Protein backbone atom coordinates (compact mmCIF):
# COMPACT_ATOMS: atom_id res chain seq x y z
CA UNK A 1 74.87 169.11 133.98
CA UNK A 2 71.12 169.28 134.40
CA UNK A 3 69.93 171.43 137.30
CA UNK A 4 69.72 169.75 140.66
CA UNK A 5 66.61 169.35 142.74
CA UNK A 6 66.05 168.84 146.45
CA UNK A 7 62.72 169.61 148.04
CA UNK A 8 63.77 169.04 151.64
CA UNK A 9 61.65 168.52 154.72
CA UNK A 10 62.19 167.69 158.37
CA UNK A 11 60.94 164.73 160.39
CA UNK A 12 61.67 163.53 163.89
CA UNK A 13 64.34 160.81 163.97
CA UNK A 14 65.20 159.82 167.51
CA UNK A 15 65.75 163.00 169.49
CA UNK A 16 66.76 165.24 166.60
CA UNK A 17 65.27 166.56 163.39
CA UNK A 18 66.48 164.73 160.31
CA UNK A 19 66.86 166.15 156.83
CA UNK A 20 64.59 164.17 154.52
CA UNK A 21 64.89 164.36 150.74
CA UNK A 22 62.42 163.19 148.10
CA UNK A 23 62.73 159.76 146.49
CA UNK A 24 64.60 158.37 149.50
CA UNK A 25 67.86 160.15 148.64
CA UNK A 26 70.06 160.08 151.74
CA UNK A 27 67.87 157.70 153.75
CA UNK A 28 70.52 154.97 153.56
CA UNK A 29 74.31 155.34 153.57
CA UNK A 30 75.78 156.31 150.21
CA UNK A 31 77.59 153.68 148.14
CA UNK A 32 80.12 154.83 145.58
CA UNK A 33 83.71 155.72 144.66
CA UNK A 34 85.89 158.75 145.36
CA UNK A 35 89.12 159.85 143.71
CA UNK A 36 91.06 161.31 146.63
CA UNK A 37 92.55 158.32 148.47
CA UNK A 38 94.45 157.01 145.48
CA UNK A 39 94.55 159.80 142.88
CA UNK A 40 94.72 162.99 144.94
CA UNK A 41 95.01 165.88 142.47
CA UNK A 42 96.03 163.65 139.53
CA UNK A 43 92.55 163.50 138.06
CA UNK A 44 90.85 164.08 134.73
CA UNK A 45 87.57 163.23 133.05
CA UNK A 46 88.86 159.90 131.74
CA UNK A 47 89.46 158.66 135.30
CA UNK A 48 85.83 159.13 136.29
CA UNK A 49 84.29 157.80 133.10
CA UNK A 50 86.55 154.77 133.38
CA UNK A 51 85.45 154.14 136.95
CA UNK A 52 81.81 154.45 135.92
CA UNK A 53 82.27 151.82 133.23
CA UNK A 54 84.05 149.53 135.71
CA UNK A 55 81.07 149.86 138.06
CA UNK A 56 79.03 148.17 135.35
CA UNK A 57 81.67 145.65 134.26
CA UNK A 58 82.49 144.48 137.81
CA UNK A 59 78.89 144.26 138.98
CA UNK A 60 79.29 147.05 141.54
CA UNK A 61 76.32 148.98 140.20
CA UNK A 62 74.13 145.90 140.66
CA UNK A 63 75.19 145.81 144.32
CA UNK A 64 74.02 149.39 144.86
CA UNK A 65 77.19 151.40 144.28
CA UNK A 66 76.01 154.46 142.36
CA UNK A 67 78.01 157.62 143.17
CA UNK A 68 81.14 158.60 141.23
CA UNK A 69 82.63 161.42 143.29
CA UNK A 70 85.08 164.05 142.04
CA UNK A 71 87.17 165.18 144.99
CA UNK A 72 89.47 168.22 145.22
CA UNK A 73 91.55 169.77 142.40
CA UNK A 74 88.83 169.84 139.73
CA UNK A 75 88.67 173.65 139.60
CA UNK A 76 90.94 176.27 138.07
CA UNK A 77 92.70 177.62 141.16
CA UNK A 78 94.19 180.53 139.25
CA UNK A 79 91.02 181.89 137.71
CA UNK A 80 88.81 180.66 140.59
CA UNK A 81 85.45 182.17 139.50
CA UNK A 82 83.90 183.46 136.34
CA UNK A 83 83.86 187.27 136.78
CA UNK A 84 80.39 187.52 135.25
CA UNK A 85 78.49 184.55 136.70
CA UNK A 86 80.69 184.07 139.80
CA UNK A 87 80.52 180.33 139.16
CA UNK A 88 83.59 178.24 140.03
CA UNK A 89 85.63 177.64 136.89
CA UNK A 90 86.66 174.03 136.17
CA UNK A 91 90.21 173.14 135.17
CA UNK A 92 89.78 172.70 131.43
CA UNK A 93 93.08 170.85 131.18
CA UNK A 94 91.48 168.07 133.24
CA UNK A 95 87.88 168.47 132.09
CA UNK A 96 88.12 169.86 128.52
CA UNK A 97 84.36 170.17 128.06
CA UNK A 98 83.58 171.13 131.64
CA UNK A 99 81.94 169.29 134.52
CA UNK A 100 78.55 169.32 132.75
CA UNK A 101 79.94 167.03 130.07
CA UNK A 102 81.41 164.64 132.63
CA UNK A 103 78.10 164.54 134.49
CA UNK A 104 76.19 163.75 131.30
CA UNK A 105 78.49 160.81 130.57
CA UNK A 106 78.15 159.46 134.12
CA UNK A 107 74.36 159.84 134.00
CA UNK A 108 74.30 157.97 130.68
CA UNK A 109 75.75 154.98 132.56
CA UNK A 110 72.86 155.08 135.01
CA UNK A 111 75.09 156.46 137.77
CA UNK A 112 75.29 159.71 139.73
CA UNK A 113 78.08 162.28 139.92
CA UNK A 114 79.31 163.81 143.17
CA UNK A 115 81.64 166.78 143.52
CA UNK A 116 83.75 168.30 146.28
CA UNK A 117 83.58 171.84 147.57
CA UNK A 118 84.48 173.55 150.84
CA UNK A 119 82.55 175.33 153.57
CA UNK A 120 85.68 176.38 155.45
CA UNK A 121 87.31 179.79 155.74
CA UNK A 122 89.95 180.93 153.27
CA UNK A 123 93.42 179.69 154.13
CA UNK A 124 94.74 183.20 154.84
CA UNK A 125 91.45 184.40 156.37
CA UNK A 126 91.72 187.33 153.95
CA UNK A 127 88.72 189.60 154.34
CA UNK A 128 86.84 186.96 156.35
CA UNK A 129 84.76 188.61 159.07
CA UNK A 130 85.74 187.66 162.60
CA UNK A 131 82.15 186.70 163.35
CA UNK A 132 82.49 183.72 160.98
CA UNK A 133 84.90 182.04 163.41
CA UNK A 134 83.24 180.01 166.16
CA UNK A 135 83.54 181.55 169.58
CA UNK A 136 84.02 178.11 171.10
CA UNK A 137 86.11 175.24 169.84
CA UNK A 138 85.54 171.51 169.94
CA UNK A 139 87.59 168.61 168.65
CA UNK A 140 86.70 164.97 169.34
CA UNK A 141 90.37 164.08 169.90
CA UNK A 142 90.35 165.58 173.36
CA UNK A 143 86.66 165.59 174.00
CA UNK A 144 86.97 168.92 175.80
CA UNK A 145 85.26 172.18 174.96
CA UNK A 146 85.39 175.71 176.26
CA UNK A 147 81.69 176.18 175.48
CA UNK A 148 79.26 176.63 178.38
CA UNK A 149 77.09 173.68 179.47
CA UNK A 150 74.14 173.17 177.17
CA UNK A 151 75.58 175.25 174.33
CA UNK A 152 73.63 174.61 171.12
CA UNK A 153 76.24 173.85 168.47
CA UNK A 154 73.48 173.94 165.89
CA UNK A 155 73.67 177.73 166.20
CA UNK A 156 77.44 177.84 165.67
CA UNK A 157 79.01 179.57 162.69
CA UNK A 158 80.22 176.19 161.45
CA UNK A 159 76.65 174.92 161.29
CA UNK A 160 75.49 178.10 159.59
CA UNK A 161 78.10 177.73 156.82
CA UNK A 162 76.89 174.21 156.02
CA UNK A 163 73.25 175.23 156.36
CA UNK A 164 73.78 177.86 153.67
CA UNK A 165 74.64 175.11 151.19
CA UNK A 166 71.72 172.99 152.42
CA UNK A 167 69.35 175.85 151.70
CA UNK A 168 70.86 176.42 148.26
CA UNK A 169 70.53 172.73 147.37
CA UNK A 170 66.91 172.72 148.49
CA UNK A 171 66.07 175.25 145.76
CA UNK A 172 67.37 173.09 142.93
CA UNK A 173 65.40 170.77 140.67
CA UNK A 174 67.12 167.45 141.41
CA UNK A 175 67.52 165.52 144.64
CA UNK A 176 71.05 165.66 146.06
CA UNK A 177 72.87 163.55 148.64
CA UNK A 178 74.51 166.13 150.92
CA UNK A 179 77.63 164.92 152.76
CA UNK A 180 79.29 167.20 155.31
CA UNK A 181 82.95 167.23 156.28
CA UNK A 182 83.71 169.07 159.51
CA UNK A 183 86.00 166.23 160.73
CA UNK A 184 83.90 165.88 163.89
CA UNK A 185 84.41 169.49 164.93
CA UNK A 186 81.69 171.75 166.33
CA UNK A 187 79.81 168.71 167.66
CA UNK A 188 78.54 168.01 164.15
CA UNK A 189 76.84 164.86 165.44
CA UNK A 190 74.39 167.14 167.29
CA UNK A 191 73.17 169.06 164.23
CA UNK A 192 74.47 167.20 161.16
CA UNK A 193 71.21 165.35 160.49
CA UNK A 194 69.35 168.67 160.38
CA UNK A 195 71.77 169.87 157.72
CA UNK A 196 72.88 166.92 155.59
CA UNK A 197 72.59 163.17 155.23
CA UNK A 198 76.04 162.23 156.52
CA UNK A 199 78.91 163.95 158.27
CA UNK A 200 82.55 163.13 158.84
CA UNK A 201 83.42 162.36 162.45
CA UNK A 202 87.23 162.25 162.48
CA UNK A 203 90.35 163.22 160.56
CA UNK A 204 91.23 161.82 157.15
CA UNK A 205 91.80 158.09 156.81
CA UNK A 206 95.19 156.50 156.02
CA UNK A 207 95.81 152.88 154.88
CA UNK A 208 97.51 151.67 158.05
CA UNK A 209 96.19 149.57 160.92
CA UNK A 210 97.24 152.00 163.65
CA UNK A 211 99.04 155.30 163.98
CA UNK A 212 98.86 158.70 162.36
CA UNK A 213 100.42 160.30 159.29
CA UNK A 214 100.29 164.11 159.35
CA UNK A 215 96.55 164.82 159.72
CA UNK A 216 95.47 161.32 158.66
CA UNK A 217 94.75 158.32 160.87
CA UNK A 218 94.91 154.54 160.66
CA UNK A 219 91.92 152.24 160.97
CA UNK A 220 92.04 151.56 164.71
CA UNK A 221 92.16 155.21 165.86
CA UNK A 222 89.10 155.90 163.71
CA UNK A 223 87.29 152.81 165.02
CA UNK A 224 88.18 153.89 168.55
CA UNK A 225 86.33 157.15 167.95
CA UNK A 226 83.40 155.26 166.45
CA UNK A 227 83.19 153.17 169.62
CA UNK A 228 81.87 156.26 171.42
CA UNK A 229 79.85 157.93 168.65
CA UNK A 230 77.71 155.16 167.17
CA UNK A 231 74.31 156.20 168.53
CA UNK A 232 73.66 159.20 166.26
CA UNK A 233 73.31 157.02 163.15
CA UNK A 234 69.88 156.12 161.79
CA UNK A 235 67.86 156.64 158.64
CA UNK A 236 68.78 159.95 156.95
CA UNK A 237 71.55 160.37 159.56
CA UNK A 238 74.94 158.73 159.05
CA UNK A 239 78.23 159.17 160.84
CA UNK A 240 80.84 159.13 158.07
CA UNK A 241 84.11 157.45 159.10
CA UNK A 242 85.73 158.47 155.80
CA UNK A 243 86.29 156.75 152.49
CA UNK A 244 87.40 153.15 152.21
CA UNK A 245 91.10 152.30 151.94
CA UNK A 246 90.35 148.67 151.04
CA UNK A 247 93.00 147.65 148.50
CA UNK A 248 95.35 150.55 149.26
CA UNK A 249 98.72 150.83 150.99
CA UNK A 250 100.12 147.86 152.89
CA UNK A 251 96.90 146.68 154.51
CA UNK A 252 96.82 142.89 154.75
CA UNK A 253 93.94 140.79 153.48
CA UNK A 254 92.60 140.46 157.03
CA UNK A 255 92.93 144.19 157.69
CA UNK A 256 91.05 144.95 154.48
CA UNK A 257 88.27 142.63 155.62
CA UNK A 258 88.07 144.24 159.04
CA UNK A 259 87.99 147.69 157.48
CA UNK A 260 85.07 146.87 155.20
CA UNK A 261 83.15 144.82 157.76
CA UNK A 262 83.33 147.48 160.47
CA UNK A 263 82.50 150.40 158.15
CA UNK A 264 79.50 148.41 156.89
CA UNK A 265 78.48 147.57 160.46
CA UNK A 266 78.73 151.23 161.47
CA UNK A 267 76.30 152.18 158.66
CA UNK A 268 78.99 154.53 157.36
CA UNK A 269 78.85 155.52 153.69
CA UNK A 270 80.81 152.91 151.73
CA UNK A 271 82.86 154.95 149.29
CA UNK A 272 85.52 152.93 147.47
CA UNK A 273 88.90 154.66 147.28
CA UNK A 274 91.04 152.26 145.27
CA UNK A 275 91.66 152.08 141.49
CA UNK A 276 89.27 149.70 139.76
CA UNK A 277 91.49 148.99 136.76
CA UNK A 278 93.14 145.61 137.34
CA UNK A 279 91.63 145.41 140.84
CA UNK A 280 92.78 142.20 142.54
CA UNK A 281 90.14 139.52 142.98
CA UNK A 282 90.38 139.32 146.82
CA UNK A 283 89.88 143.10 147.07
CA UNK A 284 86.88 143.01 144.74
CA UNK A 285 85.38 140.13 146.71
CA UNK A 286 85.60 142.16 149.92
CA UNK A 287 84.01 145.23 148.34
CA UNK A 288 81.32 143.03 146.77
CA UNK A 289 80.26 141.15 149.90
CA UNK A 290 76.50 141.32 149.52
CA UNK A 291 75.68 140.26 153.06
CA UNK A 292 77.70 143.10 154.59
CA UNK A 293 76.31 145.57 152.06
CA UNK A 294 72.79 144.36 152.89
CA UNK A 295 73.38 145.04 156.59
CA UNK A 296 74.66 148.52 155.77
CA UNK A 297 71.67 149.16 153.51
CA UNK A 298 68.95 147.51 155.62
CA UNK A 299 65.66 149.23 154.88
CA UNK A 300 63.99 148.37 158.22
CA UNK A 301 66.75 148.81 160.81
CA UNK A 302 68.68 152.06 160.42
CA UNK A 303 70.76 151.93 163.60
CA UNK A 304 74.50 151.29 163.57
CA UNK A 305 76.04 148.24 165.17
CA UNK A 306 77.37 149.07 168.63
CA UNK A 307 79.93 147.60 171.04
CA UNK A 308 78.44 145.25 173.61
CA UNK A 309 81.84 144.32 175.09
CA UNK A 310 85.27 145.88 174.69
CA UNK A 311 87.66 142.93 174.65
CA UNK A 312 91.38 143.65 175.17
CA UNK A 313 90.66 147.10 176.59
CA UNK A 314 88.36 145.80 179.32
CA UNK A 315 87.59 149.14 180.98
CA UNK A 316 86.02 150.54 177.80
CA UNK A 317 88.10 153.72 177.73
CA UNK A 318 89.57 155.38 174.66
CA UNK A 319 92.32 153.22 173.15
CA UNK A 320 93.65 153.89 169.65
CA UNK A 321 95.31 150.48 169.40
CA UNK A 322 92.62 148.28 170.94
CA UNK A 323 89.16 149.79 170.39
CA UNK A 324 85.98 147.83 171.06
CA UNK A 325 86.24 144.32 169.62
CA UNK A 326 82.73 142.91 170.15
CA UNK A 327 79.89 144.59 168.23
CA UNK A 328 76.28 143.71 167.50
CA UNK A 329 73.45 145.03 165.37
CA UNK A 330 70.08 143.97 164.02
CA UNK A 331 68.82 143.50 160.47
CA UNK A 332 65.74 141.98 158.91
CA UNK A 333 67.71 138.73 158.72
CA UNK A 334 68.65 138.42 162.40
CA UNK A 335 71.10 139.52 165.06
CA UNK A 336 74.59 140.22 163.73
CA UNK A 337 77.82 139.97 165.70
CA UNK A 338 81.13 141.41 164.51
CA UNK A 339 84.21 140.16 166.37
CA UNK A 340 87.42 142.09 165.74
CA UNK A 341 90.87 140.80 166.67
CA UNK A 342 93.11 143.79 167.41
CA UNK A 343 95.98 141.63 168.67
CA UNK A 344 99.08 140.50 166.80
CA UNK A 345 98.27 136.80 166.69
CA UNK A 346 95.35 134.47 165.99
CA UNK A 347 92.92 134.32 168.91
CA UNK A 348 89.96 132.10 169.78
CA UNK A 349 87.09 134.47 170.51
CA UNK A 350 84.05 133.40 172.50
CA UNK A 351 80.54 134.74 172.06
CA UNK A 352 78.31 134.40 175.12
CA UNK A 353 74.68 134.70 174.08
CA UNK A 354 73.60 136.22 177.38
CA UNK A 355 75.89 139.22 176.78
CA UNK A 356 74.35 140.20 173.45
CA UNK A 357 71.29 142.49 173.41
CA UNK A 358 68.59 140.84 171.34
CA UNK A 359 69.78 137.30 171.94
CA UNK A 360 68.13 135.24 174.64
CA UNK A 361 70.49 133.86 177.24
CA UNK A 362 69.10 130.40 176.61
CA UNK A 363 68.02 128.85 173.36
CA UNK A 364 69.36 127.51 170.13
CA UNK A 365 70.68 129.77 167.38
CA UNK A 366 71.73 129.03 163.85
CA UNK A 367 75.08 130.77 163.32
CA UNK A 368 75.85 131.98 159.81
CA UNK A 369 79.20 133.22 158.43
CA UNK A 370 78.61 136.43 156.44
CA UNK A 371 82.00 136.12 154.72
CA UNK A 372 81.52 132.65 153.26
CA UNK A 373 77.72 132.67 153.10
CA UNK A 374 77.67 129.31 154.90
CA UNK A 375 75.89 128.17 158.05
CA UNK A 376 78.25 127.06 160.81
CA UNK A 377 75.70 125.06 162.80
CA UNK A 378 73.24 125.46 165.66
CA UNK A 379 74.65 126.54 169.02
CA UNK A 380 73.25 126.85 172.50
CA UNK A 381 74.46 129.48 174.97
CA UNK A 382 77.87 130.18 173.51
CA UNK A 383 79.92 129.99 170.35
CA UNK A 384 83.68 130.17 169.78
CA UNK A 385 85.61 130.98 166.65
CA UNK A 386 89.28 131.41 165.77
CA UNK A 387 89.98 134.88 164.36
CA UNK A 388 93.19 135.65 162.50
CA UNK A 389 95.42 138.59 163.41
CA UNK A 390 93.61 141.86 162.63
CA UNK A 391 90.66 140.05 161.06
CA UNK A 392 86.95 140.33 161.85
CA UNK A 393 84.41 137.53 162.11
CA UNK A 394 81.07 138.64 160.68
CA UNK A 395 78.27 136.42 161.97
CA UNK A 396 74.50 136.28 161.90
CA UNK A 397 72.43 134.60 164.62
CA UNK A 398 68.89 133.34 163.96
CA UNK A 399 66.83 131.87 166.79
CA UNK A 400 65.63 128.30 166.34
CA UNK A 401 62.06 128.19 167.65
CA UNK A 402 61.93 125.09 169.77
CA UNK A 403 62.48 122.44 167.11
CA UNK A 404 65.31 121.99 164.72
CA UNK A 405 66.55 119.23 162.47
CA UNK A 406 70.08 120.61 162.80
CA UNK A 407 72.71 119.11 165.05
CA UNK A 408 73.40 121.24 168.15
CA UNK A 409 77.10 121.88 168.72
CA UNK A 410 78.27 122.87 172.19
CA UNK A 411 81.26 125.19 172.54
CA UNK A 412 83.90 125.78 169.90
CA UNK A 413 83.17 125.10 166.25
CA UNK A 414 85.80 122.61 165.14
CA UNK A 415 88.09 123.94 162.40
CA UNK A 416 86.13 127.17 162.18
CA UNK A 417 88.56 129.91 161.22
CA UNK A 418 88.29 133.47 160.05
CA UNK A 419 91.00 134.76 157.75
CA UNK A 420 93.95 133.07 156.14
CA UNK A 421 93.48 134.26 152.55
CA UNK A 422 96.61 135.43 150.73
CA UNK A 423 97.48 139.09 150.98
CA UNK A 424 95.82 140.85 148.01
CA UNK A 425 98.61 143.41 147.62
């Protein structure tokens, strides 16, 4: 692998300093593929080269997907480090010619290679100084902390461990996208954009709609957390709600659509986690939705979509089954509205223009379906749409300035449905 480079600088982004890399690296959410969700430790060089080729064959590279990420289990856990260089030794059974060779092959495809490492303490804490453990603890699950008011988590030992890697990357000769994974601990949202370009905000993802499996969570618990931590995302600064499970497990077609739409709306990195060999057409269509990718990658508006109304959970409190259902965000193309149905049956959802920031309470708007790419008509004041169980309507609203040759439709759009495609699994 050729040496990396990252000449890093700091600019003001909102109320915090953001890590800025040359050539725009890290300004927008990363798009790519990661091995962990489907392959776990069963990886080798052929897997990654095959995925890279599929990026080209399936048109994913043309849509902006560019990172091929090697997750855990690439190193020789017996030998660990070269005794002379102290470099981590790759598992030569999986990567016979080393990681450099794999990187060269990925680069030859016009793509970029990512790799996993760890900034945590050793499992047995053997010989780890006590001062490396944070004095205070914080986990987003409970939202409670024993730290004093105003404590600067940017000075915590957790932050310092990640900053050490940031500083090492800054001395290299190639720009690097730096993604942190502290699972939302140590208030990473307060200092993450001074350290890396994105940071995980919750436990690992699991391909279920709700619930928890060991330390992994379904889609709705993660989206529930995102309902309260959306406002720290902007250019160079991205909350990471974990890799995509689209196409994995027993997720229905509608659940896959909701997963992709909401992760795109949140400006989370979109990292595919399903095998690309023999990928089913409905799954590929979801992952290839250009309008949702364009919102995620908007070059003018860096902010995440945010909830403007909760829906089923009317009081807006934490709810891992029914998180916020009504979201909005802005792009260069208009005002976008994402309407999630968390209930177990098809529901007619109503959009009241006066409730949506950025929309005028009165006036005519052309409503566009981001899933089908079709205009649904011009509406005045409100719009209703039928949303299938666990599906998400992805809409764009464009104001009609006074005159329009379109027919104005009042109320519900007749026969307008979201969902209903066969299950891709």
